[in-house]
Amino acid sequence: MHMVVGCYEECYRGDVTPLGALAEGTNFKDKNPWRQPDITLKAKFTVTQLPTPRESLQALMDKVKASGLHQGITNSLLAKLQKALEELNSCDIQDALGALQEFINEVRAQSGKKIPVGQANSFHSRRT
């Protein structure tokens, strides 16, 4: 089994199983209140840790800064990403997602105009 794990610990309000507890062959109790209590899970799996949302936003900001785009477009895109980062830092996930959607909307609107198509695609791909 292969699991991809992302964790937003400072914004999560429930039980979190630390990544260290997810070693191969480790038993842990399922603490989800909607499931039957005291179920012991045992499986072999590989854990791939993803970058945190903050790391992903910072990497995207660095990519925009290094893009060589017109300063006005660069500033506008960075402002949207900065807003998303600030909202994330205050654990306001909905507003952070809204700011990211504004970023995506602007990138799409300027794709093929002030932002080359390939560069625009790289800004909103899932691998950024």
Protein backbone atom coordinates (compact mmCIF):
# COMPACT_ATOMS: atom_id res chain seq x y z
CA MET A 1 0.00 0.00 0.00
CA HIS A 2 1.26 3.52 -0.75
CA MET A 3 0.00 6.51 1.23
CA VAL A 4 0.59 10.18 0.56
CA VAL A 5 0.47 12.23 3.74
CA GLY A 6 0.00 15.96 4.12
CA CYS A 7 -0.48 17.51 7.54
CA TYR A 8 -1.69 20.94 8.59
CA GLU A 9 -1.15 20.38 12.32
CA GLU A 10 -1.51 23.98 13.49
CA CYS A 11 -4.90 24.33 11.73
CA TYR A 12 -6.26 20.86 12.53
CA ARG A 13 -8.65 20.63 15.46
CA GLY A 14 -8.78 16.85 16.03
CA ASP A 15 -6.65 13.81 16.76
CA VAL A 16 -3.60 13.52 14.55
CA THR A 17 -1.46 10.42 14.28
CA PRO A 18 2.14 11.68 14.06
CA LEU A 19 4.08 10.59 11.00
CA GLY A 20 6.56 8.83 13.26
CA ALA A 21 3.78 6.48 14.39
CA LEU A 22 3.14 5.40 10.82
CA ALA A 23 6.22 3.21 10.48
CA GLU A 24 5.86 -0.08 8.65
CA GLY A 25 4.10 -2.70 10.73
CA THR A 26 3.04 -0.23 13.42
CA ASN A 27 -0.29 -0.80 15.13
CA PHE A 28 -2.35 2.22 16.12
CA LYS A 29 -5.88 2.79 17.33
CA ASP A 30 -8.43 4.40 15.02
CA LYS A 31 -9.76 7.36 17.04
CA ASN A 32 -12.40 8.44 14.54
CA PRO A 33 -15.62 8.80 16.63
CA TRP A 34 -17.82 7.85 13.66
CA ARG A 35 -16.28 4.41 13.37
CA GLN A 36 -16.52 1.51 15.73
CA PRO A 37 -14.07 2.26 18.57
CA ASP A 38 -10.92 0.30 19.33
CA ILE A 39 -10.25 -1.05 15.84
CA THR A 40 -6.61 -1.96 15.49
CA LEU A 41 -5.21 -1.36 12.02
CA LYS A 42 -2.15 -3.17 10.72
CA ALA A 43 -0.73 -2.69 7.24
CA LYS A 44 2.52 -2.36 5.34
CA PHE A 45 2.83 0.90 3.47
CA THR A 46 5.17 3.59 2.28
CA VAL A 47 4.72 7.16 3.47
CA THR A 48 5.54 10.02 1.11
CA GLN A 49 5.59 13.33 2.93
CA LEU A 50 4.33 16.24 0.82
CA PRO A 51 5.53 19.82 1.19
CA THR A 52 3.44 21.83 3.60
CA PRO A 53 1.00 24.35 2.14
CA ARG A 54 3.34 27.14 3.29
CA GLU A 55 6.29 25.52 1.53
CA SER A 56 4.22 25.10 -1.63
CA LEU A 57 3.09 28.74 -1.57
CA GLN A 58 6.64 29.95 -0.99
CA ALA A 59 7.93 27.83 -3.87
CA LEU A 60 5.23 29.25 -6.13
CA MET A 61 6.08 32.80 -5.04
CA ASP A 62 9.75 32.14 -5.83
CA LYS A 63 8.75 30.77 -9.24
CA VAL A 64 6.69 33.90 -10.01
CA LYS A 65 9.56 36.17 -8.86
CA ALA A 66 12.01 34.34 -11.13
CA SER A 67 9.64 34.27 -14.12
CA GLY A 68 10.84 37.48 -15.77
CA LEU A 69 7.27 38.67 -16.33
CA HIS A 70 6.32 42.35 -16.53
CA GLN A 71 6.65 43.90 -13.06
CA GLY A 72 2.94 44.81 -12.88
CA ILE A 73 1.81 41.23 -13.52
CA THR A 74 4.45 39.88 -11.14
CA ASN A 75 3.33 42.25 -8.37
CA SER A 76 -0.33 41.38 -8.90
CA LEU A 77 0.30 37.62 -8.78
CA LEU A 78 2.57 37.93 -5.74
CA ALA A 79 -0.05 40.01 -3.90
CA LYS A 80 -2.59 37.21 -4.35
CA LEU A 81 -0.14 34.57 -3.18
CA GLN A 82 0.91 36.72 -0.21
CA LYS A 83 -2.76 37.08 0.77
CA ALA A 84 -3.18 33.30 0.56
CA LEU A 85 -0.13 32.83 2.79
CA GLU A 86 -1.41 35.35 5.36
CA GLU A 87 -4.83 33.67 5.44
CA LEU A 88 -3.19 30.28 5.84
CA ASN A 89 -1.04 31.61 8.68
CA SER A 90 -4.22 32.71 10.46
CA CYS A 91 -5.78 29.26 9.77
CA ASP A 92 -8.49 30.77 7.56
CA ILE A 93 -8.44 28.00 4.99
CA GLN A 94 -11.50 29.21 3.04
CA ASP A 95 -10.03 32.68 2.47
CA ALA A 96 -6.65 31.16 1.60
CA LEU A 97 -8.33 29.01 -1.03
CA GLY A 98 -10.21 32.07 -2.29
CA ALA A 99 -6.94 33.97 -2.73
CA LEU A 100 -5.46 31.01 -4.59
CA GLN A 101 -8.48 30.92 -6.87
CA GLU A 102 -7.97 34.64 -7.62
CA PHE A 103 -4.35 33.82 -8.53
CA ILE A 104 -5.47 31.00 -10.84
CA ASN A 105 -8.13 33.21 -12.43
CA GLU A 106 -5.57 35.93 -13.21
CA VAL A 107 -3.06 33.43 -14.60
CA ARG A 108 -5.74 31.95 -16.86
CA ALA A 109 -6.93 35.40 -17.99
CA GLN A 110 -3.37 36.46 -18.89
CA SER A 111 -2.33 33.14 -20.43
CA GLY A 112 -1.17 33.77 -23.98
CA LYS A 113 -1.29 37.53 -23.40
CA LYS A 114 1.05 38.86 -20.72
CA ILE A 115 2.00 35.38 -19.51
CA PRO A 116 3.30 32.79 -22.00
CA VAL A 117 1.00 29.74 -22.16
CA GLY A 118 3.63 27.26 -20.94
CA GLN A 119 4.55 29.47 -18.03
CA ALA A 120 0.89 30.02 -17.14
CA ASN A 121 0.32 26.26 -17.14
CA SER A 122 3.31 25.75 -14.84
CA PHE A 123 1.91 28.28 -12.35
CA HIS A 124 -1.30 26.39 -11.72
CA SER A 125 -0.29 22.79 -12.28
CA ARG A 126 -0.53 20.38 -9.37
CA ARG A 127 3.24 19.85 -9.36
CA THR A 128 4.18 23.49 -8.68
